[in-house]
Amino acid sequence: MRIKKVPHYTTIQKFFQKLPSGTLRKINQLILSQHDISGEIIALDGSGFTNDYADKYYAIIRAKERKSYVKNHIAIDIKTLLILNYATQRGP
């Protein structure tokens, strides 16, 4: 079976903009409650994402350097590869 139409690259972003963060947290907690998680070894990551679609180089040459971004922090259990906790904030 082949994909007949590729979704627009912003489809996931738009979905998460409409999804209340409390709902996402409840879904994650429900998934975690169904698994035996020791949390013995976890992986941590913090990544920043811009709030627009413009390429960074384009923003610099147009003198419109971004002043804000979204920072995601995530903790993942290495054994189950499940998200244990996450937090999002605006930066800087």
PDB file of N, CA and C in Angstrom:
ATOM      1  N   MET A   1       0.844  -1.184   0.000  1.00  0.00           N
ATOM      2  CA  MET A   1       0.000   0.000   0.000  1.00  0.00           C
ATOM      3  C   MET A   1       0.888   1.245   0.000  1.00  0.00           C
ATOM      4  N   ARG A   2       0.562   2.205  -0.810  1.00  0.00           N
ATOM      5  CA  ARG A   2       1.330   3.440  -0.903  1.00  0.00           C
ATOM      6  C   ARG A   2       0.522   4.619  -0.370  1.00  0.00           C
ATOM      7  N   ILE A   3       1.246   5.584   0.112  1.00  0.00           N
ATOM      8  CA  ILE A   3       0.592   6.816   0.558  1.00  0.00           C
ATOM      9  C   ILE A   3       0.231   7.623  -0.682  1.00  0.00           C
ATOM     10  N   LYS A   4      -1.027   7.989  -0.802  1.00  0.00           N
ATOM     11  CA  LYS A   4      -1.480   8.721  -1.982  1.00  0.00           C
ATOM     12  C   LYS A   4      -1.264  10.226  -1.833  1.00  0.00           C
ATOM     13  N   LYS A   5      -1.319  10.711  -0.602  1.00  0.00           N
ATOM     14  CA  LYS A   5      -1.139  12.142  -0.376  1.00  0.00           C
ATOM     15  C   LYS A   5      -0.352  12.333   0.921  1.00  0.00           C
ATOM     16  N   VAL A   6       0.710  13.064   0.842  1.00  0.00           N
ATOM     17  CA  VAL A   6       1.538  13.325   2.014  1.00  0.00           C
ATOM     18  C   VAL A   6       0.927  14.492   2.792  1.00  0.00           C
ATOM     19  N   PRO A   7       0.746  14.348   4.102  1.00  0.00           N
ATOM     20  CA  PRO A   7       0.201  15.454   4.894  1.00  0.00           C
ATOM     21  C   PRO A   7       1.155  16.655   4.887  1.00  0.00           C
ATOM     22  N   HIS A   8       0.595  17.829   5.071  1.00  0.00           N
ATOM     23  CA  HIS A   8       1.407  19.038   5.151  1.00  0.00           C
ATOM     24  C   HIS A   8       2.334  18.927   6.354  1.00  0.00           C
ATOM     25  N   TYR A   9       3.526  19.491   6.242  1.00  0.00           N
ATOM     26  CA  TYR A   9       4.528  19.330   7.303  1.00  0.00           C
ATOM     27  C   TYR A   9       4.110  19.987   8.616  1.00  0.00           C
ATOM     28  N   THR A  10       3.095  20.823   8.615  1.00  0.00           N
ATOM     29  CA  THR A  10       2.646  21.468   9.854  1.00  0.00           C
ATOM     30  C   THR A  10       1.481  20.735  10.514  1.00  0.00           C
ATOM     31  N   THR A  11       1.075  19.598   9.978  1.00  0.00           N
ATOM     32  CA  THR A  11      -0.089  18.882  10.502  1.00  0.00           C
ATOM     33  C   THR A  11       0.062  18.539  11.983  1.00  0.00           C
ATOM     34  N   ILE A  12       1.207  17.996  12.370  1.00  0.00           N
ATOM     35  CA  ILE A  12       1.414  17.635  13.782  1.00  0.00           C
ATOM     36  C   ILE A  12       1.453  18.881  14.655  1.00  0.00           C
ATOM     37  N   GLN A  13       2.114  19.927  14.176  1.00  0.00           N
ATOM     38  CA  GLN A  13       2.181  21.180  14.937  1.00  0.00           C
ATOM     39  C   GLN A  13       0.773  21.726  15.183  1.00  0.00           C
ATOM     40  N   LYS A  14      -0.058  21.730  14.173  1.00  0.00           N
ATOM     41  CA  LYS A  14      -1.429  22.240  14.317  1.00  0.00           C
ATOM     42  C   LYS A  14      -2.245  21.371  15.270  1.00  0.00           C
ATOM     43  N   PHE A  15      -2.033  20.059  15.209  1.00  0.00           N
ATOM     44  CA  PHE A  15      -2.728  19.151  16.123  1.00  0.00           C
ATOM     45  C   PHE A  15      -2.391  19.492  17.579  1.00  0.00           C
ATOM     46  N   PHE A  16      -1.103  19.657  17.868  1.00  0.00           N
ATOM     47  CA  PHE A  16      -0.694  19.928  19.237  1.00  0.00           C
ATOM     48  C   PHE A  16      -1.090  21.320  19.702  1.00  0.00           C
ATOM     49  N   GLN A  17      -1.264  22.260  18.781  1.00  0.00           N
ATOM     50  CA  GLN A  17      -1.749  23.583  19.165  1.00  0.00           C
ATOM     51  C   GLN A  17      -3.199  23.509  19.643  1.00  0.00           C
ATOM     52  N   LYS A  18      -3.974  22.593  19.059  1.00  0.00           N
ATOM     53  CA  LYS A  18      -5.386  22.452  19.420  1.00  0.00           C
ATOM     54  C   LYS A  18      -5.592  21.551  20.641  1.00  0.00           C
ATOM     55  N   LEU A  19      -4.653  20.656  20.901  1.00  0.00           N
ATOM     56  CA  LEU A  19      -4.774  19.709  22.001  1.00  0.00           C
ATOM     57  C   LEU A  19      -4.391  20.375  23.318  1.00  0.00           C
ATOM     58  N   PRO A  20      -5.304  20.421  24.287  1.00  0.00           N
ATOM     59  CA  PRO A  20      -4.950  21.003  25.584  1.00  0.00           C
ATOM     60  C   PRO A  20      -3.816  20.214  26.240  1.00  0.00           C
ATOM     61  N   SER A  21      -2.879  20.916  26.853  1.00  0.00           N
ATOM     62  CA  SER A  21      -1.725  20.244  27.462  1.00  0.00           C
ATOM     63  C   SER A  21      -2.146  19.289  28.576  1.00  0.00           C
ATOM     64  N   GLY A  22      -3.227  19.607  29.279  1.00  0.00           N
ATOM     65  CA  GLY A  22      -3.721  18.717  30.321  1.00  0.00           C
ATOM     66  C   GLY A  22      -4.172  17.374  29.766  1.00  0.00           C
ATOM     67  N   THR A  23      -4.760  17.388  28.590  1.00  0.00           N
ATOM     68  CA  THR A  23      -5.198  16.157  27.940  1.00  0.00           C
ATOM     69  C   THR A  23      -4.003  15.296  27.553  1.00  0.00           C
ATOM     70  N   LEU A  24      -2.991  15.934  27.008  1.00  0.00           N
ATOM     71  CA  LEU A  24      -1.777  15.208  26.633  1.00  0.00           C
ATOM     72  C   LEU A  24      -1.120  14.587  27.863  1.00  0.00           C
ATOM     73  N   ARG A  25      -1.089  15.318  28.968  1.00  0.00           N
ATOM     74  CA  ARG A  25      -0.496  14.803  30.199  1.00  0.00           C
ATOM     75  C   ARG A  25      -1.296  13.605  30.721  1.00  0.00           C
ATOM     76  N   LYS A  26      -2.627  13.669  30.652  1.00  0.00           N
ATOM     77  CA  LYS A  26      -3.474  12.547  31.097  1.00  0.00           C
ATOM     78  C   LYS A  26      -3.240  11.308  30.237  1.00  0.00           C
ATOM     79  N   ILE A  27      -3.117  11.509  28.928  1.00  0.00           N
ATOM     80  CA  ILE A  27      -2.855  10.382  28.028  1.00  0.00           C
ATOM     81  C   ILE A  27      -1.517   9.735  28.383  1.00  0.00           C
ATOM     82  N   ASN A  28      -0.509  10.563  28.620  1.00  0.00           N
ATOM     83  CA  ASN A  28       0.812  10.035  28.968  1.00  0.00           C
ATOM     84  C   ASN A  28       0.766   9.274  30.288  1.00  0.00           C
ATOM     85  N   GLN A  29       0.067   9.802  31.278  1.00  0.00           N
ATOM     86  CA  GLN A  29      -0.036   9.116  32.568  1.00  0.00           C
ATOM     87  C   GLN A  29      -0.771   7.779  32.422  1.00  0.00           C
ATOM     88  N   LEU A  30      -1.790   7.737  31.565  1.00  0.00           N
ATOM     89  CA  LEU A  30      -2.512   6.489  31.324  1.00  0.00           C
ATOM     90  C   LEU A  30      -1.592   5.445  30.696  1.00  0.00           C
ATOM     91  N   ILE A  31      -0.803   5.851  29.737  1.00  0.00           N
ATOM     92  CA  ILE A  31       0.155   4.934  29.101  1.00  0.00           C
ATOM     93  C   ILE A  31       1.166   4.432  30.127  1.00  0.00           C
ATOM     94  N   LEU A  32       1.693   5.330  30.948  1.00  0.00           N
ATOM     95  CA  LEU A  32       2.680   4.942  31.961  1.00  0.00           C
ATOM     96  C   LEU A  32       2.094   3.970  32.981  1.00  0.00           C
ATOM     97  N   SER A  33       0.819   4.157  33.323  1.00  0.00           N
ATOM     98  CA  SER A  33       0.202   3.276  34.328  1.00  0.00           C
ATOM     99  C   SER A  33       0.039   1.844  33.817  1.00  0.00           C
ATOM    100  N   GLN A  34       0.122   1.643  32.517  1.00  0.00           N
ATOM    101  CA  GLN A  34      -0.041   0.316  31.922  1.00  0.00           C
ATOM    102  C   GLN A  34       1.276  -0.457  31.814  1.00  0.00           C
ATOM    103  N   HIS A  35       2.384   0.156  32.240  1.00  0.00           N
ATOM    104  CA  HIS A  35       3.701  -0.462  32.095  1.00  0.00           C
ATOM    105  C   HIS A  35       4.446  -0.488  33.423  1.00  0.00           C
ATOM    106  N   ASP A  36       5.303  -1.493  33.570  1.00  0.00           N
ATOM    107  CA  ASP A  36       6.171  -1.604  34.739  1.00  0.00           C
ATOM    108  C   ASP A  36       7.453  -0.828  34.438  1.00  0.00           C
ATOM    109  N   ILE A  37       7.589   0.329  35.056  1.00  0.00           N
ATOM    110  CA  ILE A  37       8.728   1.201  34.773  1.00  0.00           C
ATOM    111  C   ILE A  37       9.570   1.351  36.034  1.00  0.00           C
ATOM    112  N   SER A  38      10.840   0.983  35.915  1.00  0.00           N
ATOM    113  CA  SER A  38      11.729   1.095  37.068  1.00  0.00           C
ATOM    114  C   SER A  38      12.360   2.482  37.147  1.00  0.00           C
ATOM    115  N   GLY A  39      12.585   3.113  36.009  1.00  0.00           N
ATOM    116  CA  GLY A  39      13.239   4.420  35.995  1.00  0.00           C
ATOM    117  C   GLY A  39      14.684   4.338  36.443  1.00  0.00           C
ATOM    118  N   GLU A  40      15.267   3.152  36.342  1.00  0.00           N
ATOM    119  CA  GLU A  40      16.650   2.942  36.784  1.00  0.00           C
ATOM    120  C   GLU A  40      17.623   3.808  35.981  1.00  0.00           C
ATOM    121  N   ILE A  41      17.441   3.827  34.676  1.00  0.00           N
ATOM    122  CA  ILE A  41      18.270   4.671  33.806  1.00  0.00           C
ATOM    123  C   ILE A  41      17.336   5.501  32.936  1.00  0.00           C
ATOM    124  N   ILE A  42      17.526   6.817  32.975  1.00  0.00           N
ATOM    125  CA  ILE A  42      16.706   7.698  32.155  1.00  0.00           C
ATOM    126  C   ILE A  42      17.589   8.569  31.280  1.00  0.00           C
ATOM    127  N   ALA A  43      17.021   9.014  30.184  1.00  0.00           N
ATOM    128  CA  ALA A  43      17.708   9.948  29.284  1.00  0.00           C
ATOM    129  C   ALA A  43      16.996  11.284  29.376  1.00  0.00           C
ATOM    130  N   LEU A  44      17.770  12.354  29.425  1.00  0.00           N
ATOM    131  CA  LEU A  44      17.229  13.709  29.518  1.00  0.00           C
ATOM    132  C   LEU A  44      17.608  14.491  28.272  1.00  0.00           C
ATOM    133  N   ASP A  45      16.701  15.342  27.823  1.00  0.00           N
ATOM    134  CA  ASP A  45      16.991  16.185  26.673  1.00  0.00           C
ATOM    135  C   ASP A  45      16.280  17.511  26.836  1.00  0.00           C
ATOM    136  N   GLY A  46      16.912  18.548  26.355  1.00  0.00           N
ATOM    137  CA  GLY A  46      16.311  19.871  26.299  1.00  0.00           C
ATOM    138  C   GLY A  46      16.595  20.445  24.931  1.00  0.00           C
ATOM    139  N   SER A  47      15.555  20.701  24.162  1.00  0.00           N
ATOM    140  CA  SER A  47      15.723  21.213  22.802  1.00  0.00           C
ATOM    141  C   SER A  47      14.879  22.458  22.611  1.00  0.00           C
ATOM    142  N   GLY A  48      15.420  23.407  21.854  1.00  0.00           N
ATOM    143  CA  GLY A  48      14.693  24.627  21.551  1.00  0.00           C
ATOM    144  C   GLY A  48      14.181  24.617  20.128  1.00  0.00           C
ATOM    145  N   PHE A  49      12.981  25.155  19.931  1.00  0.00           N
ATOM    146  CA  PHE A  49      12.358  25.226  18.617  1.00  0.00           C
ATOM    147  C   PHE A  49      11.825  26.632  18.404  1.00  0.00           C
ATOM    148  N   THR A  50      11.968  27.138  17.191  1.00  0.00           N
ATOM    149  CA  THR A  50      11.457  28.467  16.891  1.00  0.00           C
ATOM    150  C   THR A  50       9.949  28.419  16.702  1.00  0.00           C
ATOM    151  N   ASN A  51       9.326  29.582  16.789  1.00  0.00           N
ATOM    152  CA  ASN A  51       7.875  29.684  16.708  1.00  0.00           C
ATOM    153  C   ASN A  51       7.369  29.950  15.294  1.00  0.00           C
ATOM    154  N   ASP A  52       8.263  29.989  14.317  1.00  0.00           N
ATOM    155  CA  ASP A  52       7.807  30.286  12.964  1.00  0.00           C
ATOM    156  C   ASP A  52       8.404  29.306  11.966  1.00  0.00           C
ATOM    157  N   TYR A  53       8.087  29.520  10.714  1.00  0.00           N
ATOM    158  CA  TYR A  53       8.514  28.596   9.671  1.00  0.00           C
ATOM    159  C   TYR A  53       9.762  29.072   8.942  1.00  0.00           C
ATOM    160  N   ALA A  54      10.188  30.301   9.189  1.00  0.00           N
ATOM    161  CA  ALA A  54      11.303  30.876   8.435  1.00  0.00           C
ATOM    162  C   ALA A  54      12.616  30.192   8.792  1.00  0.00           C
ATOM    163  N   ASP A  55      13.429  30.017   7.822  1.00  0.00           N
ATOM    164  CA  ASP A  55      14.768  29.469   7.983  1.00  0.00           C
ATOM    165  C   ASP A  55      15.635  30.467   8.766  1.00  0.00           C
ATOM    166  N   LYS A  56      16.511  29.986   9.648  1.00  0.00           N
ATOM    167  CA  LYS A  56      17.331  30.875  10.482  1.00  0.00           C
ATOM    168  C   LYS A  56      18.207  31.793   9.628  1.00  0.00           C
ATOM    169  N   TYR A  57      18.808  31.262   8.570  1.00  0.00           N
ATOM    170  CA  TYR A  57      19.648  32.074   7.691  1.00  0.00           C
ATOM    171  C   TYR A  57      18.824  33.204   7.080  1.00  0.00           C
ATOM    172  N   TYR A  58      17.621  32.898   6.613  1.00  0.00           N
ATOM    173  CA  TYR A  58      16.752  33.904   6.013  1.00  0.00           C
ATOM    174  C   TYR A  58      16.426  34.996   7.038  1.00  0.00           C
ATOM    175  N   ALA A  59      16.143  34.586   8.272  1.00  0.00           N
ATOM    176  CA  ALA A  59      15.822  35.565   9.316  1.00  0.00           C
ATOM    177  C   ALA A  59      17.011  36.487   9.592  1.00  0.00           C
ATOM    178  N   ILE A  60      18.219  35.955   9.567  1.00  0.00           N
ATOM    179  CA  ILE A  60      19.410  36.774   9.832  1.00  0.00           C
ATOM    180  C   ILE A  60      19.637  37.779   8.705  1.00  0.00           C
ATOM    181  N   ILE A  61      19.571  37.332   7.453  1.00  0.00           N
ATOM    182  CA  ILE A  61      19.852  38.259   6.355  1.00  0.00           C
ATOM    183  C   ILE A  61      18.771  39.316   6.205  1.00  0.00           C
ATOM    184  N   ARG A  62      17.596  39.047   6.680  1.00  0.00           N
ATOM    185  CA  ARG A  62      16.511  40.027   6.651  1.00  0.00           C
ATOM    186  C   ARG A  62      16.468  40.855   7.937  1.00  0.00           C
ATOM    187  N   ALA A  63      17.462  40.645   8.807  1.00  0.00           N
ATOM    188  CA  ALA A  63      17.562  41.372  10.090  1.00  0.00           C
ATOM    189  C   ALA A  63      16.316  41.172  10.944  1.00  0.00           C
ATOM    190  N   LYS A  64      15.779  39.979  10.903  1.00  0.00           N
ATOM    191  CA  LYS A  64      14.617  39.647  11.726  1.00  0.00           C
ATOM    192  C   LYS A  64      14.960  38.448  12.592  1.00  0.00           C
ATOM    193  N   GLU A  65      16.043  38.573  13.322  1.00  0.00           N
ATOM    194  CA  GLU A  65      16.463  37.478  14.196  1.00  0.00           C
ATOM    195  C   GLU A  65      15.348  37.182  15.203  1.00  0.00           C
ATOM    196  N   ARG A  66      15.098  35.927  15.427  1.00  0.00           N
ATOM    197  CA  ARG A  66      14.042  35.532  16.346  1.00  0.00           C
ATOM    198  C   ARG A  66      14.390  35.929  17.775  1.00  0.00           C
ATOM    199  N   LYS A  67      13.374  36.390  18.471  1.00  0.00           N
ATOM    200  CA  LYS A  67      13.593  36.789  19.854  1.00  0.00           C
ATOM    201  C   LYS A  67      12.979  35.801  20.838  1.00  0.00           C
ATOM    202  N   SER A  68      12.169  34.873  20.340  1.00  0.00           N
ATOM    203  CA  SER A  68      11.580  33.895  21.248  1.00  0.00           C
ATOM    204  C   SER A  68      11.611  32.513  20.607  1.00  0.00           C
ATOM    205  N   TYR A  69      11.499  31.515  21.446  1.00  0.00           N
ATOM    206  CA  TYR A  69      11.483  30.139  21.002  1.00  0.00           C
ATOM    207  C   TYR A  69      10.787  29.295  22.059  1.00  0.00           C
ATOM    208  N   VAL A  70      10.510  28.072  21.723  1.00  0.00           N
ATOM    209  CA  VAL A  70       9.910  27.132  22.664  1.00  0.00           C
ATOM    210  C   VAL A  70      10.987  26.143  23.083  1.00  0.00           C
ATOM    211  N   LYS A  71      11.109  25.923  24.382  1.00  0.00           N
ATOM    212  CA  LYS A  71      12.105  24.996  24.918  1.00  0.00           C
ATOM    213  C   LYS A  71      11.373  23.797  25.508  1.00  0.00           C
ATOM    214  N   ASN A  72      11.740  22.610  25.045  1.00  0.00           N
ATOM    215  CA  ASN A  72      11.148  21.368  25.549  1.00  0.00           C
ATOM    216  C   ASN A  72      12.173  20.608  26.381  1.00  0.00           C
ATOM    217  N   HIS A  73      11.741  20.130  27.529  1.00  0.00           N
ATOM    218  CA  HIS A  73      12.560  19.282  28.394  1.00  0.00           C
ATOM    219  C   HIS A  73      11.828  17.948  28.493  1.00  0.00           C
ATOM    220  N   ILE A  74      12.574  16.865  28.354  1.00  0.00           N
ATOM    221  CA  ILE A  74      11.929  15.553  28.335  1.00  0.00           C
ATOM    222  C   ILE A  74      12.798  14.529  29.071  1.00  0.00           C
ATOM    223  N   ALA A  75      12.137  13.624  29.787  1.00  0.00           N
ATOM    224  CA  ALA A  75      12.819  12.511  30.464  1.00  0.00           C
ATOM    225  C   ALA A  75      12.216  11.213  29.956  1.00  0.00           C
ATOM    226  N   ILE A  76      13.083  10.305  29.489  1.00  0.00           N
ATOM    227  CA  ILE A  76      12.632   9.052  28.892  1.00  0.00           C
ATOM    228  C   ILE A  76      13.271   7.872  29.617  1.00  0.00           C
ATOM    229  N   ASP A  77      12.456   6.865  29.928  1.00  0.00           N
ATOM    230  CA  ASP A  77      12.964   5.622  30.516  1.00  0.00           C
ATOM    231  C   ASP A  77      13.677   4.839  29.414  1.00  0.00           C
ATOM    232  N   ILE A  78      14.931   4.489  29.647  1.00  0.00           N
ATOM    233  CA  ILE A  78      15.740   3.808  28.633  1.00  0.00           C
ATOM    234  C   ILE A  78      15.211   2.404  28.317  1.00  0.00           C
ATOM    235  N   LYS A  79      14.728   1.702  29.314  1.00  0.00           N
ATOM    236  CA  LYS A  79      14.270   0.322  29.090  1.00  0.00           C
ATOM    237  C   LYS A  79      12.988   0.266  28.256  1.00  0.00           C
ATOM    238  N   THR A  80      11.996   1.087  28.588  1.00  0.00           N
ATOM    239  CA  THR A  80      10.704   1.030  27.894  1.00  0.00           C
ATOM    240  C   THR A  80      10.576   2.056  26.767  1.00  0.00           C
ATOM    241  N   LEU A  81      11.470   3.052  26.760  1.00  0.00           N
ATOM    242  CA  LEU A  81      11.439   4.153  25.794  1.00  0.00           C
ATOM    243  C   LEU A  81      10.165   4.991  25.900  1.00  0.00           C
ATOM    244  N   LEU A  82       9.586   5.034  27.100  1.00  0.00           N
ATOM    245  CA  LEU A  82       8.392   5.835  27.336  1.00  0.00           C
ATOM    246  C   LEU A  82       8.767   7.182  27.949  1.00  0.00           C
ATOM    247  N   ILE A  83       7.968   8.187  27.654  1.00  0.00           N
ATOM    248  CA  ILE A  83       8.185   9.525  28.210  1.00  0.00           C
ATOM    249  C   ILE A  83       7.732   9.512  29.662  1.00  0.00           C
ATOM    250  N   LEU A  84       8.647   9.777  30.579  1.00  0.00           N
ATOM    251  CA  LEU A  84       8.324   9.794  32.008  1.00  0.00           C
ATOM    252  C   LEU A  84       7.778  11.152  32.429  1.00  0.00           C
ATOM    253  N   ASN A  85       8.377  12.195  31.894  1.00  0.00           N
ATOM    254  CA  ASN A  85       7.955  13.549  32.246  1.00  0.00           C
ATOM    255  C   ASN A  85       8.433  14.499  31.172  1.00  0.00           C
ATOM    256  N   TYR A  86       7.752  15.620  31.049  1.00  0.00           N
ATOM    257  CA  TYR A  86       8.147  16.641  30.083  1.00  0.00           C
ATOM    258  C   TYR A  86       7.667  17.992  30.581  1.00  0.00           C
ATOM    259  N   ALA A  87       8.316  19.020  30.104  1.00  0.00           N
ATOM    260  CA  ALA A  87       7.932  20.391  30.424  1.00  0.00           C
ATOM    261  C   ALA A  87       8.251  21.259  29.211  1.00  0.00           C
ATOM    262  N   THR A  88       7.440  22.242  28.993  1.00  0.00           N
ATOM    263  CA  THR A  88       7.636  23.167  27.878  1.00  0.00           C
ATOM    264  C   THR A  88       7.587  24.584  28.422  1.00  0.00           C
ATOM    265  N   GLN A  89       8.472  25.419  27.904  1.00  0.00           N
ATOM    266  CA  GLN A  89       8.458  26.831  28.309  1.00  0.00           C
ATOM    267  C   GLN A  89       8.924  27.680  27.143  1.00  0.00           C
ATOM    268  N   ARG A  90       8.627  28.959  27.227  1.00  0.00           N
ATOM    269  CA  ARG A  90       9.084  29.900  26.199  1.00  0.00           C
ATOM    270  C   ARG A  90      10.435  30.449  26.609  1.00  0.00           C
ATOM    271  N   GLY A  91      11.282  30.690  25.617  1.00  0.00           N
ATOM    272  CA  GLY A  91      12.602  31.235  25.900  1.00  0.00           C
ATOM    273  C   GLY A  91      12.806  32.522  25.146  1.00  0.00           C
ATOM    274  N   PRO A  92      13.791  33.255  25.404  1.00  0.00           N
ATOM    275  CA  PRO A  92      14.817  33.007  26.423  1.00  0.00           C
ATOM    276  C   PRO A  92      14.332  33.348  27.806  1.00  0.00           C
TER     277      PRO A  92
END
